[in-house]
Amino acid sequence: MADAERINPHPRKRSDLAVRSASAAVMIAVAGAAFWLGGLVLTGFIVAVGLGILAEWTMLVLAFEKGIVGRAIWLLAGVGYIGLACLSAVPQVMPPLVLLAAVGSVIAVDVGAYFAGRSLGGPKIAPTISPSKTWSGLGGGMLAAMAFYAAFSIYLSHAFFKAGLRDSSGLDAHDWLGVVTGGLVTAIVAQTGDFFESWMKRRAGVKDSSHVIPGHGGLFDRADGLIAVLFVSGVLELASAMVEL
């Protein structure tokens, strides 16, 4: 035993891949069921997730902000930020297909950024906030989001054509400028949301926003980029509505 300890004094921790995989499967199943059922079920799902994220936001704020006024400002900001993001995502405001595109594009950004960052490395974007984020990762996230938008649009076009229906999603597979712009903007906004949550966690002195999802941390950890994208979408919708008035 002593020889083994000398050879490997710091044995590796047991991999949590199985736990992470099981949690991911449950999350996908629950979210998929909500999208499939749509309507009030999807709305209820969005509201429930939003309230969970707001609860984690509140815990982070209480950990790094000690002043009463400061806490009040941060909590009101959380209600506005998370509330507008969730409001813009409900089926009565955003068609479920568009919401699905938003979710898929943010996932594509995360996957593209992860593999590009791991493969290419290079300069960090903000090492004091998120040491793992690189400029090459951001570029990979942009390309992945563009590829997703193009593929998703083409798939929808064919699906609606085969069903003899009109594509009302607003996504155009042949609008390459829109695909490129959408990929760029989505990646930048999603990564900004990721950095913002990382900054809050560093101020709070925690690694995860909570431990509600085994192996994945909290709801805010998983939806930080999506919340940012939906919030920007909500701001643009409000601006458009004000212009039309």
C-alpha atoms as a PDB file:
ATOM      1  CA  MET A   1       0.000   0.000   0.000  1.00  0.00           C
ATOM      2  CA  ALA A   2       2.819   2.366   0.899  1.00  0.00           C
ATOM      3  CA  ASP A   3       4.546   1.662  -2.448  1.00  0.00           C
ATOM      4  CA  ALA A   4       1.315   2.336  -4.314  1.00  0.00           C
ATOM      5  CA  GLU A   5       0.855   5.630  -2.521  1.00  0.00           C
ATOM      6  CA  ARG A   6       4.401   6.687  -3.385  1.00  0.00           C
ATOM      7  CA  ILE A   7       3.828   5.848  -7.033  1.00  0.00           C
ATOM      8  CA  ASN A   8       0.484   7.664  -7.177  1.00  0.00           C
ATOM      9  CA  PRO A   9       0.124   9.966  -4.178  1.00  0.00           C
ATOM     10  CA  HIS A  10      -2.784  11.813  -5.807  1.00  0.00           C
ATOM     11  CA  PRO A  11      -5.115   9.198  -7.306  1.00  0.00           C
ATOM     12  CA  ARG A  12      -7.634  10.527  -9.774  1.00  0.00           C
ATOM     13  CA  LYS A  13     -11.123  11.174  -8.577  1.00  0.00           C
ATOM     14  CA  ARG A  14     -13.766   8.850  -9.906  1.00  0.00           C
ATOM     15  CA  SER A  15     -15.132  10.237 -13.137  1.00  0.00           C
ATOM     16  CA  ASP A  16     -18.559  11.834 -12.902  1.00  0.00           C
ATOM     17  CA  LEU A  17     -19.246  11.153 -16.583  1.00  0.00           C
ATOM     18  CA  ALA A  18     -22.064   8.728 -15.755  1.00  0.00           C
ATOM     19  CA  VAL A  19     -23.768  11.263 -13.480  1.00  0.00           C
ATOM     20  CA  ARG A  20     -23.360  14.069 -16.012  1.00  0.00           C
ATOM     21  CA  SER A  21     -24.694  11.890 -18.809  1.00  0.00           C
ATOM     22  CA  ALA A  22     -27.726  10.798 -16.784  1.00  0.00           C
ATOM     23  CA  SER A  23     -28.491  14.387 -15.788  1.00  0.00           C
ATOM     24  CA  ALA A  24     -28.142  15.539 -19.389  1.00  0.00           C
ATOM     25  CA  ALA A  25     -30.515  12.799 -20.551  1.00  0.00           C
ATOM     26  CA  VAL A  26     -33.117  13.848 -17.980  1.00  0.00           C
ATOM     27  CA  MET A  27     -32.784  17.534 -18.943  1.00  0.00           C
ATOM     28  CA  ILE A  28     -33.164  16.741 -22.633  1.00  0.00           C
ATOM     29  CA  ALA A  29     -36.182  14.509 -21.955  1.00  0.00           C
ATOM     30  CA  VAL A  30     -37.962  17.115 -19.803  1.00  0.00           C
ATOM     31  CA  ALA A  31     -37.238  20.003 -22.171  1.00  0.00           C
ATOM     32  CA  GLY A  32     -38.150  17.866 -25.190  1.00  0.00           C
ATOM     33  CA  ALA A  33     -41.480  16.902 -23.633  1.00  0.00           C
ATOM     34  CA  ALA A  34     -42.233  20.557 -22.876  1.00  0.00           C
ATOM     35  CA  PHE A  35     -41.518  21.537 -26.484  1.00  0.00           C
ATOM     36  CA  TRP A  36     -43.537  18.610 -27.814  1.00  0.00           C
ATOM     37  CA  LEU A  37     -46.595  19.425 -25.703  1.00  0.00           C
ATOM     38  CA  GLY A  38     -46.220  23.167 -26.249  1.00  0.00           C
ATOM     39  CA  GLY A  39     -48.825  25.712 -25.152  1.00  0.00           C
ATOM     40  CA  LEU A  40     -49.344  26.072 -21.427  1.00  0.00           C
ATOM     41  CA  VAL A  41     -46.978  23.204 -20.651  1.00  0.00           C
ATOM     42  CA  LEU A  42     -44.110  24.936 -22.449  1.00  0.00           C
ATOM     43  CA  THR A  43     -45.027  28.239 -20.812  1.00  0.00           C
ATOM     44  CA  GLY A  44     -45.079  26.587 -17.393  1.00  0.00           C
ATOM     45  CA  PHE A  45     -41.712  24.972 -18.062  1.00  0.00           C
ATOM     46  CA  ILE A  46     -40.167  28.312 -19.047  1.00  0.00           C
ATOM     47  CA  VAL A  47     -41.629  30.024 -15.970  1.00  0.00           C
ATOM     48  CA  ALA A  48     -40.384  27.245 -13.662  1.00  0.00           C
ATOM     49  CA  VAL A  49     -36.858  27.391 -15.098  1.00  0.00           C
ATOM     50  CA  GLY A  50     -36.899  31.190 -14.915  1.00  0.00           C
ATOM     51  CA  LEU A  51     -37.893  31.143 -11.243  1.00  0.00           C
ATOM     52  CA  GLY A  52     -35.149  28.616 -10.523  1.00  0.00           C
ATOM     53  CA  ILE A  53     -32.556  30.810 -12.233  1.00  0.00           C
ATOM     54  CA  LEU A  54     -33.831  33.860 -10.354  1.00  0.00           C
ATOM     55  CA  ALA A  55     -33.441  31.957  -7.067  1.00  0.00           C
ATOM     56  CA  GLU A  56     -29.812  31.156  -7.952  1.00  0.00           C
ATOM     57  CA  TRP A  57     -29.235  34.777  -9.004  1.00  0.00           C
ATOM     58  CA  THR A  58     -30.555  35.848  -5.588  1.00  0.00           C
ATOM     59  CA  MET A  59     -28.208  33.479  -3.742  1.00  0.00           C
ATOM     60  CA  LEU A  60     -25.211  34.801  -5.680  1.00  0.00           C
ATOM     61  CA  VAL A  61     -26.192  38.404  -4.984  1.00  0.00           C
ATOM     62  CA  LEU A  62     -26.643  37.749  -1.276  1.00  0.00           C
ATOM     63  CA  ALA A  63     -23.166  36.192  -1.211  1.00  0.00           C
ATOM     64  CA  PHE A  64     -21.268  39.110  -2.794  1.00  0.00           C
ATOM     65  CA  GLU A  65     -23.400  42.162  -2.019  1.00  0.00           C
ATOM     66  CA  LYS A  66     -23.807  43.107   1.636  1.00  0.00           C
ATOM     67  CA  GLY A  67     -25.513  46.507   1.360  1.00  0.00           C
ATOM     68  CA  ILE A  68     -29.311  46.679   1.466  1.00  0.00           C
ATOM     69  CA  VAL A  69     -29.548  49.186  -1.375  1.00  0.00           C
ATOM     70  CA  GLY A  70     -27.037  47.262  -3.478  1.00  0.00           C
ATOM     71  CA  ARG A  71     -28.937  44.025  -2.949  1.00  0.00           C
ATOM     72  CA  ALA A  72     -32.219  45.665  -3.895  1.00  0.00           C
ATOM     73  CA  ILE A  73     -30.729  47.021  -7.132  1.00  0.00           C
ATOM     74  CA  TRP A  74     -29.186  43.671  -8.034  1.00  0.00           C
ATOM     75  CA  LEU A  75     -32.397  41.766  -7.289  1.00  0.00           C
ATOM     76  CA  LEU A  76     -34.499  44.180  -9.355  1.00  0.00           C
ATOM     77  CA  ALA A  77     -31.962  43.856 -12.159  1.00  0.00           C
ATOM     78  CA  GLY A  78     -32.296  40.066 -11.953  1.00  0.00           C
ATOM     79  CA  VAL A  79     -36.074  40.264 -12.202  1.00  0.00           C
ATOM     80  CA  GLY A  80     -35.749  42.484 -15.274  1.00  0.00           C
ATOM     81  CA  TYR A  81     -32.975  40.473 -16.929  1.00  0.00           C
ATOM     82  CA  ILE A  82     -34.347  36.985 -16.329  1.00  0.00           C
ATOM     83  CA  GLY A  83     -37.988  38.060 -16.517  1.00  0.00           C
ATOM     84  CA  LEU A  84     -37.655  39.704 -19.932  1.00  0.00           C
ATOM     85  CA  ALA A  85     -35.676  36.729 -21.251  1.00  0.00           C
ATOM     86  CA  CYS A  86     -38.390  34.302 -20.143  1.00  0.00           C
ATOM     87  CA  LEU A  87     -41.207  36.551 -21.341  1.00  0.00           C
ATOM     88  CA  SER A  88     -39.664  36.740 -24.800  1.00  0.00           C
ATOM     89  CA  ALA A  89     -39.472  32.911 -24.904  1.00  0.00           C
ATOM     90  CA  VAL A  90     -43.099  31.993 -24.105  1.00  0.00           C
ATOM     91  CA  PRO A  91     -45.106  30.600 -27.063  1.00  0.00           C
ATOM     92  CA  GLN A  92     -47.465  33.581 -27.023  1.00  0.00           C
ATOM     93  CA  VAL A  93     -44.504  35.821 -27.916  1.00  0.00           C
ATOM     94  CA  MET A  94     -41.927  33.622 -29.654  1.00  0.00           C
ATOM     95  CA  PRO A  95     -42.935  30.724 -31.938  1.00  0.00           C
ATOM     96  CA  PRO A  96     -41.634  27.439 -30.465  1.00  0.00           C
ATOM     97  CA  LEU A  97     -39.611  26.740 -33.627  1.00  0.00           C
ATOM     98  CA  VAL A  98     -37.763  30.036 -33.203  1.00  0.00           C
ATOM     99  CA  LEU A  99     -37.154  29.261 -29.522  1.00  0.00           C
ATOM    100  CA  LEU A 100     -35.864  25.831 -30.527  1.00  0.00           C
ATOM    101  CA  ALA A 101     -33.513  27.539 -32.990  1.00  0.00           C
ATOM    102  CA  ALA A 102     -32.275  29.836 -30.222  1.00  0.00           C
ATOM    103  CA  VAL A 103     -31.664  26.905 -27.868  1.00  0.00           C
ATOM    104  CA  GLY A 104     -29.920  24.892 -30.573  1.00  0.00           C
ATOM    105  CA  SER A 105     -27.734  27.795 -31.659  1.00  0.00           C
ATOM    106  CA  VAL A 106     -26.539  28.452 -28.097  1.00  0.00           C
ATOM    107  CA  ILE A 107     -25.732  24.753 -27.670  1.00  0.00           C
ATOM    108  CA  ALA A 108     -23.830  24.924 -30.980  1.00  0.00           C
ATOM    109  CA  VAL A 109     -21.864  27.911 -29.684  1.00  0.00           C
ATOM    110  CA  ASP A 110     -20.906  26.024 -26.514  1.00  0.00           C
ATOM    111  CA  VAL A 111     -19.872  22.900 -28.419  1.00  0.00           C
ATOM    112  CA  GLY A 112     -17.970  24.805 -31.118  1.00  0.00           C
ATOM    113  CA  ALA A 113     -16.208  26.982 -28.552  1.00  0.00           C
ATOM    114  CA  TYR A 114     -15.245  23.973 -26.446  1.00  0.00           C
ATOM    115  CA  PHE A 115     -13.689  21.952 -29.256  1.00  0.00           C
ATOM    116  CA  ALA A 116     -12.030  24.925 -30.984  1.00  0.00           C
ATOM    117  CA  GLY A 117     -10.630  26.196 -27.705  1.00  0.00           C
ATOM    118  CA  ARG A 118      -9.321  22.765 -26.717  1.00  0.00           C
ATOM    119  CA  SER A 119      -7.850  22.082 -30.165  1.00  0.00           C
ATOM    120  CA  LEU A 120      -6.371  25.483 -31.030  1.00  0.00           C
ATOM    121  CA  GLY A 121      -5.862  27.173 -27.674  1.00  0.00           C
ATOM    122  CA  GLY A 122      -4.339  30.610 -27.950  1.00  0.00           C
ATOM    123  CA  PRO A 123      -4.905  33.911 -26.150  1.00  0.00           C
ATOM    124  CA  LYS A 124      -7.530  34.089 -23.425  1.00  0.00           C
ATOM    125  CA  ILE A 125     -10.402  36.547 -23.718  1.00  0.00           C
ATOM    126  CA  ALA A 126     -10.695  37.417 -20.016  1.00  0.00           C
ATOM    127  CA  PRO A 127      -8.494  35.086 -17.941  1.00  0.00           C
ATOM    128  CA  THR A 128      -9.367  36.724 -14.627  1.00  0.00           C
ATOM    129  CA  ILE A 129     -13.076  36.010 -15.170  1.00  0.00           C
ATOM    130  CA  SER A 130     -13.110  32.745 -17.132  1.00  0.00           C
ATOM    131  CA  PRO A 131      -9.620  31.241 -17.658  1.00  0.00           C
ATOM    132  CA  SER A 132     -10.822  28.606 -20.128  1.00  0.00           C
ATOM    133  CA  LYS A 133     -12.361  30.983 -22.690  1.00  0.00           C
ATOM    134  CA  THR A 134     -10.150  31.739 -25.704  1.00  0.00           C
ATOM    135  CA  TRP A 135     -10.528  33.838 -28.838  1.00  0.00           C
ATOM    136  CA  SER A 136     -10.202  30.688 -30.935  1.00  0.00           C
ATOM    137  CA  GLY A 137     -13.077  29.208 -28.938  1.00  0.00           C
ATOM    138  CA  LEU A 138     -15.227  32.240 -29.702  1.00  0.00           C
ATOM    139  CA  GLY A 139     -14.428  31.848 -33.396  1.00  0.00           C
ATOM    140  CA  GLY A 140     -15.335  28.175 -33.245  1.00  0.00           C
ATOM    141  CA  GLY A 141     -18.592  29.064 -31.512  1.00  0.00           C
ATOM    142  CA  MET A 142     -19.433  31.547 -34.267  1.00  0.00           C
ATOM    143  CA  LEU A 143     -18.807  28.997 -37.018  1.00  0.00           C
ATOM    144  CA  ALA A 144     -20.810  26.343 -35.184  1.00  0.00           C
ATOM    145  CA  ALA A 145     -23.762  28.707 -34.732  1.00  0.00           C
ATOM    146  CA  MET A 146     -23.677  29.627 -38.431  1.00  0.00           C
ATOM    147  CA  ALA A 147     -23.622  25.959 -39.391  1.00  0.00           C
ATOM    148  CA  PHE A 148     -26.543  25.245 -37.069  1.00  0.00           C
ATOM    149  CA  TYR A 149     -28.670  28.086 -38.430  1.00  0.00           C
ATOM    150  CA  ALA A 150     -28.014  26.986 -42.012  1.00  0.00           C
ATOM    151  CA  ALA A 151     -28.746  23.305 -41.303  1.00  0.00           C
ATOM    152  CA  PHE A 152     -31.835  24.043 -39.202  1.00  0.00           C
ATOM    153  CA  SER A 153     -33.257  26.383 -41.829  1.00  0.00           C
ATOM    154  CA  ILE A 154     -32.704  23.885 -44.635  1.00  0.00           C
ATOM    155  CA  TYR A 155     -34.300  21.120 -42.559  1.00  0.00           C
ATOM    156  CA  LEU A 156     -37.360  23.242 -41.806  1.00  0.00           C
ATOM    157  CA  SER A 157     -37.752  24.255 -45.441  1.00  0.00           C
ATOM    158  CA  HIS A 158     -37.753  20.624 -46.564  1.00  0.00           C
ATOM    159  CA  ALA A 159     -40.027  19.520 -43.708  1.00  0.00           C
ATOM    160  CA  PHE A 160     -42.636  22.187 -44.436  1.00  0.00           C
ATOM    161  CA  PHE A 161     -42.418  21.543 -48.185  1.00  0.00           C
ATOM    162  CA  LYS A 162     -42.979  17.785 -47.747  1.00  0.00           C
ATOM    163  CA  ALA A 163     -45.919  18.440 -45.452  1.00  0.00           C
ATOM    164  CA  GLY A 164     -47.418  20.929 -47.892  1.00  0.00           C
ATOM    165  CA  LEU A 165     -47.336  23.665 -45.264  1.00  0.00           C
ATOM    166  CA  ARG A 166     -46.105  27.226 -45.276  1.00  0.00           C
ATOM    167  CA  ASP A 167     -42.930  27.858 -43.294  1.00  0.00           C
ATOM    168  CA  SER A 168     -43.896  30.491 -40.753  1.00  0.00           C
ATOM    169  CA  SER A 169     -40.727  30.268 -38.658  1.00  0.00           C
ATOM    170  CA  GLY A 170     -39.095  33.267 -40.286  1.00  0.00           C
ATOM    171  CA  LEU A 171     -35.869  31.307 -40.804  1.00  0.00           C
ATOM    172  CA  ASP A 172     -34.539  31.398 -44.371  1.00  0.00           C
ATOM    173  CA  ALA A 173     -31.943  28.872 -45.447  1.00  0.00           C
ATOM    174  CA  HIS A 174     -30.958  31.023 -48.440  1.00  0.00           C
ATOM    175  CA  ASP A 175     -30.431  34.196 -46.427  1.00  0.00           C
ATOM    176  CA  TRP A 176     -26.697  33.677 -46.031  1.00  0.00           C
ATOM    177  CA  LEU A 177     -26.151  37.194 -44.701  1.00  0.00           C
ATOM    178  CA  GLY A 178     -28.737  36.445 -42.018  1.00  0.00           C
ATOM    179  CA  VAL A 179     -27.097  33.099 -41.243  1.00  0.00           C
ATOM    180  CA  VAL A 180     -23.653  34.698 -40.870  1.00  0.00           C
ATOM    181  CA  THR A 181     -24.944  37.656 -38.878  1.00  0.00           C
ATOM    182  CA  GLY A 182     -27.067  35.412 -36.685  1.00  0.00           C
ATOM    183  CA  GLY A 183     -24.096  33.163 -35.932  1.00  0.00           C
ATOM    184  CA  LEU A 184     -21.827  36.079 -35.074  1.00  0.00           C
ATOM    185  CA  VAL A 185     -24.352  37.837 -32.860  1.00  0.00           C
ATOM    186  CA  THR A 186     -25.515  34.669 -31.115  1.00  0.00           C
ATOM    187  CA  ALA A 187     -21.959  33.616 -30.261  1.00  0.00           C
ATOM    188  CA  ILE A 188     -20.978  37.055 -28.952  1.00  0.00           C
ATOM    189  CA  VAL A 189     -24.143  37.491 -26.866  1.00  0.00           C
ATOM    190  CA  ALA A 190     -24.082  33.919 -25.505  1.00  0.00           C
ATOM    191  CA  GLN A 191     -20.407  34.179 -24.539  1.00  0.00           C
ATOM    192  CA  THR A 192     -21.083  37.566 -22.924  1.00  0.00           C
ATOM    193  CA  GLY A 193     -23.832  35.968 -20.843  1.00  0.00           C
ATOM    194  CA  ASP A 194     -21.416  33.204 -19.867  1.00  0.00           C
ATOM    195  CA  PHE A 195     -18.775  35.730 -18.809  1.00  0.00           C
ATOM    196  CA  PHE A 196     -21.320  37.733 -16.852  1.00  0.00           C
ATOM    197  CA  GLU A 197     -22.402  34.715 -14.819  1.00  0.00           C
ATOM    198  CA  SER A 198     -18.767  33.686 -14.286  1.00  0.00           C
ATOM    199  CA  TRP A 199     -18.045  37.193 -12.973  1.00  0.00           C
ATOM    200  CA  MET A 200     -20.966  36.950 -10.548  1.00  0.00           C
ATOM    201  CA  LYS A 201     -19.763  33.554  -9.304  1.00  0.00           C
ATOM    202  CA  ARG A 202     -16.223  34.805  -8.812  1.00  0.00           C
ATOM    203  CA  ARG A 203     -17.521  37.713  -6.761  1.00  0.00           C
ATOM    204  CA  ALA A 204     -19.606  35.275  -4.728  1.00  0.00           C
ATOM    205  CA  GLY A 205     -16.648  32.919  -4.317  1.00  0.00           C
ATOM    206  CA  VAL A 206     -18.429  29.847  -5.707  1.00  0.00           C
ATOM    207  CA  LYS A 207     -17.787  27.456  -8.599  1.00  0.00           C
ATOM    208  CA  ASP A 208     -21.431  26.772  -9.495  1.00  0.00           C
ATOM    209  CA  SER A 209     -24.622  28.788  -9.133  1.00  0.00           C
ATOM    210  CA  SER A 210     -26.135  25.820  -7.254  1.00  0.00           C
ATOM    211  CA  HIS A 211     -26.025  22.017  -7.201  1.00  0.00           C
ATOM    212  CA  VAL A 212     -29.561  21.359  -8.362  1.00  0.00           C
ATOM    213  CA  ILE A 213     -28.376  19.435 -11.457  1.00  0.00           C
ATOM    214  CA  PRO A 214     -26.034  16.568 -10.474  1.00  0.00           C
ATOM    215  CA  GLY A 215     -22.733  16.905 -12.300  1.00  0.00           C
ATOM    216  CA  HIS A 216     -23.734  20.145 -14.025  1.00  0.00           C
ATOM    217  CA  GLY A 217     -24.163  22.720 -11.266  1.00  0.00           C
ATOM    218  CA  GLY A 218     -27.150  25.016 -11.390  1.00  0.00           C
ATOM    219  CA  LEU A 219     -29.809  26.107 -13.850  1.00  0.00           C
ATOM    220  CA  PHE A 220     -28.038  29.448 -14.314  1.00  0.00           C
ATOM    221  CA  ASP A 221     -24.820  27.598 -15.173  1.00  0.00           C
ATOM    222  CA  ARG A 222     -26.574  25.750 -17.966  1.00  0.00           C
ATOM    223  CA  ALA A 223     -28.693  28.629 -19.286  1.00  0.00           C
ATOM    224  CA  ASP A 224     -26.446  31.682 -18.832  1.00  0.00           C
ATOM    225  CA  GLY A 225     -25.802  32.096 -22.575  1.00  0.00           C
ATOM    226  CA  LEU A 226     -29.407  31.358 -23.535  1.00  0.00           C
ATOM    227  CA  ILE A 227     -30.752  33.876 -21.018  1.00  0.00           C
ATOM    228  CA  ALA A 228     -28.508  36.549 -22.543  1.00  0.00           C
ATOM    229  CA  VAL A 229     -29.668  35.710 -26.083  1.00  0.00           C
ATOM    230  CA  LEU A 230     -33.344  35.732 -25.091  1.00  0.00           C
ATOM    231  CA  PHE A 231     -32.894  38.979 -23.154  1.00  0.00           C
ATOM    232  CA  VAL A 232     -31.407  40.700 -26.210  1.00  0.00           C
ATOM    233  CA  SER A 233     -34.266  39.288 -28.292  1.00  0.00           C
ATOM    234  CA  GLY A 234     -36.740  40.733 -25.802  1.00  0.00           C
ATOM    235  CA  VAL A 235     -35.054  44.151 -25.884  1.00  0.00           C
ATOM    236  CA  LEU A 236     -35.185  44.161 -29.699  1.00  0.00           C
ATOM    237  CA  GLU A 237     -38.874  43.209 -29.639  1.00  0.00           C
ATOM    238  CA  LEU A 238     -39.652  46.018 -27.207  1.00  0.00           C
ATOM    239  CA  ALA A 239     -37.675  48.504 -29.302  1.00  0.00           C
ATOM    240  CA  SER A 240     -39.499  47.393 -32.433  1.00  0.00           C
ATOM    241  CA  ALA A 241     -42.881  47.735 -30.714  1.00  0.00           C
ATOM    242  CA  MET A 242     -42.010  51.233 -29.504  1.00  0.00           C
ATOM    243  CA  VAL A 243     -40.950  52.306 -32.997  1.00  0.00           C
ATOM    244  CA  GLU A 244     -44.290  51.116 -34.415  1.00  0.00           C
ATOM    245  CA  LEU A 245     -46.287  53.136 -31.864  1.00  0.00           C
END
